């Protein structure tokens, strides 16, 4: 149920950290670590599950809102989370290029997209 504002002693602005204020540009962080940093909690602190869930409720939307300023890394193993980091100038908008099989697959997908777009353009001309 909504509560009248005058029932509160203080109403500070709802300000959140920017990625540059929160994250070191040479480190990657799990969503759990970002959640802790947003609340000023040490990333290694032991938290009960309920508290961890509450912190995650704040972190997930923060990551989504700031996605343009972040890079993401897939988990290295099945038992670890993905990691997020501050996007730096040398990482640009395209991220790191794929190598090996991933690069071949990416190139093939790009070629298929180009062919499909060309076919659609030709159909419009007829």
Protein backbone atom coordinates (compact mmCIF):
# COMPACT_ATOMS: atom_id res chain seq x y z
CA UNK A 1 0.00 0.00 0.00
CA UNK A 2 1.41 3.44 -0.88
CA UNK A 3 2.63 5.56 2.02
CA UNK A 4 2.53 9.39 2.20
CA UNK A 5 5.97 10.99 1.72
CA UNK A 6 5.57 13.09 4.86
CA UNK A 7 5.78 9.93 6.96
CA UNK A 8 9.52 9.81 6.24
CA UNK A 9 12.18 11.96 7.90
CA UNK A 10 14.45 12.03 4.91
CA UNK A 11 14.02 11.46 1.14
CA UNK A 12 17.45 11.45 -0.55
CA UNK A 13 17.65 11.19 -4.36
CA UNK A 14 17.70 7.72 -5.86
CA UNK A 15 21.25 7.78 -7.21
CA UNK A 16 23.14 4.70 -8.33
CA UNK A 17 26.76 4.17 -9.22
CA UNK A 18 27.77 4.29 -12.85
CA UNK A 19 29.81 1.31 -14.08
CA UNK A 20 32.94 3.49 -14.16
CA UNK A 21 32.40 4.47 -10.51
CA UNK A 22 31.78 0.90 -9.37
CA UNK A 23 34.03 -1.37 -11.41
CA UNK A 24 37.78 -1.50 -12.05
CA UNK A 25 38.44 -1.46 -15.80
CA UNK A 26 40.83 -4.44 -15.66
CA UNK A 27 38.60 -6.84 -13.68
CA UNK A 28 35.52 -8.94 -14.40
CA UNK A 29 32.77 -9.42 -11.78
CA UNK A 30 30.00 -11.94 -11.23
CA UNK A 31 26.46 -10.62 -10.75
CA UNK A 32 26.82 -11.57 -7.07
CA UNK A 33 29.92 -9.41 -6.70
CA UNK A 34 28.26 -6.49 -8.49
CA UNK A 35 25.25 -6.84 -6.18
CA UNK A 36 27.51 -6.56 -3.14
CA UNK A 37 29.46 -3.61 -4.52
CA UNK A 38 26.24 -1.69 -5.25
CA UNK A 39 25.36 -1.94 -1.56
CA UNK A 40 28.86 -1.24 -0.23
CA UNK A 41 29.34 -4.83 0.95
CA UNK A 42 32.75 -6.53 0.59
CA UNK A 43 32.66 -8.94 -2.36
CA UNK A 44 33.98 -11.77 -0.15
CA UNK A 45 31.53 -11.23 2.74
CA UNK A 46 29.46 -14.23 3.81
CA UNK A 47 25.74 -13.46 3.34
CA UNK A 48 22.66 -15.50 4.06
CA UNK A 49 20.59 -16.55 1.04
CA UNK A 50 17.76 -14.09 1.74
CA UNK A 51 20.14 -11.11 1.84
CA UNK A 52 21.91 -12.31 -1.31
CA UNK A 53 18.54 -12.51 -3.10
CA UNK A 54 17.65 -8.96 -2.07
CA UNK A 55 20.99 -7.68 -3.35
CA UNK A 56 20.45 -9.49 -6.65
CA UNK A 57 17.07 -7.75 -7.00
CA UNK A 58 19.04 -4.49 -7.26
CA UNK A 59 21.94 -5.76 -9.35
CA UNK A 60 20.13 -7.41 -12.25
CA UNK A 61 18.22 -4.28 -13.37
CA UNK A 62 21.40 -2.21 -12.86
CA UNK A 63 23.28 -4.51 -15.25
CA UNK A 64 20.48 -4.29 -17.80
CA UNK A 65 20.30 -0.48 -17.63
CA UNK A 66 24.08 -0.17 -18.01
CA UNK A 67 24.54 -2.94 -20.61
CA UNK A 68 25.99 -0.49 -23.18
CA UNK A 69 28.85 0.29 -20.78
CA UNK A 70 29.64 -3.34 -19.94
CA UNK A 71 31.27 -6.36 -21.54
CA UNK A 72 30.24 -9.90 -20.72
CA UNK A 73 32.26 -13.12 -20.52
CA UNK A 74 30.74 -16.57 -20.67
CA UNK A 75 31.50 -18.89 -17.75
CA UNK A 76 34.84 -20.66 -18.18
CA UNK A 77 33.40 -23.82 -16.61
CA UNK A 78 29.91 -25.20 -16.01
CA UNK A 79 30.07 -24.46 -12.29
CA UNK A 80 30.86 -20.73 -12.42
CA UNK A 81 28.71 -17.72 -13.31
CA UNK A 82 29.20 -15.37 -16.23
CA UNK A 83 31.23 -12.24 -15.62
CA UNK A 84 30.69 -8.56 -16.39
CA UNK A 85 33.26 -5.83 -16.72
CA UNK A 86 33.62 -2.21 -17.65
CA UNK A 87 33.80 -1.68 -21.42
CA UNK A 88 37.01 0.14 -22.28
CA UNK A 89 37.84 2.12 -25.42
CA UNK A 90 39.93 -0.67 -26.95
CA UNK A 91 37.01 -3.12 -26.60
CA UNK A 92 34.72 -0.88 -28.67
CA UNK A 93 31.19 -1.88 -29.57
CA UNK A 94 31.96 -5.18 -31.29
CA UNK A 95 33.83 -6.89 -28.48
CA UNK A 96 36.75 -9.21 -28.93
CA UNK A 97 36.86 -11.06 -32.25
CA UNK A 98 36.13 -14.78 -32.23
CA UNK A 99 38.91 -17.15 -33.19
CA UNK A 100 39.05 -20.70 -34.49
CA UNK A 101 35.74 -22.52 -35.07
CA UNK A 102 33.75 -19.66 -33.52
CA UNK A 103 35.16 -17.24 -36.10
CA UNK A 104 34.30 -19.55 -38.99
CA UNK A 105 30.75 -19.99 -37.69
CA UNK A 106 30.37 -16.23 -37.15
CA UNK A 107 31.65 -15.48 -40.68
CA UNK A 108 29.27 -18.06 -42.17
CA UNK A 109 26.32 -16.54 -40.29
CA UNK A 110 27.26 -13.04 -41.46
CA UNK A 111 27.50 -14.25 -45.08
CA UNK A 112 24.07 -15.90 -44.81
CA UNK A 113 22.57 -12.70 -43.43
CA UNK A 114 24.08 -10.68 -46.28
CA UNK A 115 22.71 -13.11 -48.89
CA UNK A 116 19.24 -12.97 -47.32
CA UNK A 117 19.28 -9.16 -47.26
CA UNK A 118 20.40 -9.02 -50.93
CA UNK A 119 17.58 -11.40 -51.93
CA UNK A 120 15.06 -9.22 -50.10
CA UNK A 121 16.39 -6.06 -51.81
CA UNK A 122 16.14 -7.72 -55.25
CA UNK A 123 12.53 -8.77 -54.54
CA UNK A 124 11.66 -5.16 -53.74
CA UNK A 125 13.05 -4.00 -57.09
CA UNK A 126 10.78 -6.34 -59.09
